[in-house]
């Protein structure tokens, strides 16, 4: 697989992240379930979170995520 330019890769990540968050929202709404989503960019280490309900404990801090799921 050819190496993609960084700008194109960033655009693709942005689109896919948006689609995934949309799907999580639809799943929560249409199936009446609570959804929590964590997306981590491996290159930057930046975390994106989504939750379908308002909880004080969400989103967790980066330290809590690393502690809970060390493989991320």
Protein backbone atom coordinates (compact mmCIF):
# COMPACT_ATOMS: atom_id res chain seq x y z
CA UNK A 1 0.00 0.00 0.00
CA UNK A 2 1.40 3.37 -1.01
CA UNK A 3 2.12 6.00 1.62
CA UNK A 4 -0.53 8.71 1.52
CA UNK A 5 0.25 12.40 1.97
CA UNK A 6 -0.33 13.53 5.60
CA UNK A 7 -3.07 16.00 4.63
CA UNK A 8 -5.02 13.31 2.80
CA UNK A 9 -4.62 10.90 5.72
CA UNK A 10 -5.85 13.57 8.12
CA UNK A 11 -8.89 14.26 5.95
CA UNK A 12 -9.68 10.56 5.77
CA UNK A 13 -9.39 10.21 9.56
CA UNK A 14 -11.69 13.17 10.04
CA UNK A 15 -14.34 11.71 7.70
CA UNK A 16 -14.16 8.24 9.21
CA UNK A 17 -14.24 9.58 12.76
CA UNK A 18 -17.32 11.62 11.91
CA UNK A 19 -19.00 8.57 10.35
CA UNK A 20 -18.18 6.39 13.36
CA UNK A 21 -19.57 8.97 15.80
CA UNK A 22 -22.70 9.26 13.65
CA UNK A 23 -23.16 5.48 13.76
CA UNK A 24 -22.68 5.44 17.53
CA UNK A 25 -25.33 8.14 17.86
CA UNK A 26 -27.74 6.22 15.63
CA UNK A 27 -27.13 3.01 17.57
CA UNK A 28 -27.91 4.78 20.84
CA UNK A 29 -31.02 6.45 19.49
CA UNK A 30 -32.57 3.65 17.43
CA UNK A 31 -31.71 0.73 19.72
CA UNK A 32 -32.23 2.56 23.02
CA UNK A 33 -28.78 1.71 24.39
CA UNK A 34 -26.00 3.70 26.06
CA UNK A 35 -22.92 4.07 23.86
CA UNK A 36 -19.42 5.16 24.86
CA UNK A 37 -16.72 5.53 22.23
CA UNK A 38 -12.99 6.24 22.50
CA UNK A 39 -10.93 6.94 19.39
CA UNK A 40 -7.16 7.29 19.76
CA UNK A 41 -4.91 8.63 17.04
CA UNK A 42 -1.79 6.45 17.15
CA UNK A 43 0.43 9.09 15.56
CA UNK A 44 -0.46 12.00 17.84
CA UNK A 45 -1.75 10.10 20.88
CA UNK A 46 -4.81 12.36 20.87
CA UNK A 47 -8.09 10.93 22.19
CA UNK A 48 -11.60 11.65 20.94
CA UNK A 49 -14.59 10.55 23.00
CA UNK A 50 -18.31 10.23 22.47
CA UNK A 51 -21.06 9.26 24.89
CA UNK A 52 -24.77 8.96 24.34
CA UNK A 53 -25.72 9.94 27.89
CA UNK A 54 -24.66 12.82 30.10
CA UNK A 55 -22.42 11.40 32.81
CA UNK A 56 -20.12 13.35 35.09
CA UNK A 57 -17.57 10.55 34.85
CA UNK A 58 -17.43 10.72 31.06
CA UNK A 59 -15.29 11.34 29.18
CA UNK A 60 -12.49 9.93 31.29
CA UNK A 61 -9.17 11.74 31.41
CA UNK A 62 -6.30 10.51 29.25
CA UNK A 63 -4.64 9.13 32.39
CA UNK A 64 -7.76 7.14 33.30
CA UNK A 65 -7.97 5.73 29.78
CA UNK A 66 -4.32 4.65 29.80
CA UNK A 67 -4.73 3.11 33.27
CA UNK A 68 -7.91 1.24 32.31
CA UNK A 69 -6.76 0.12 28.84
CA UNK A 70 -2.94 0.01 28.81
CA UNK A 71 -2.83 -1.55 25.33
CA UNK A 72 -4.16 1.71 23.83
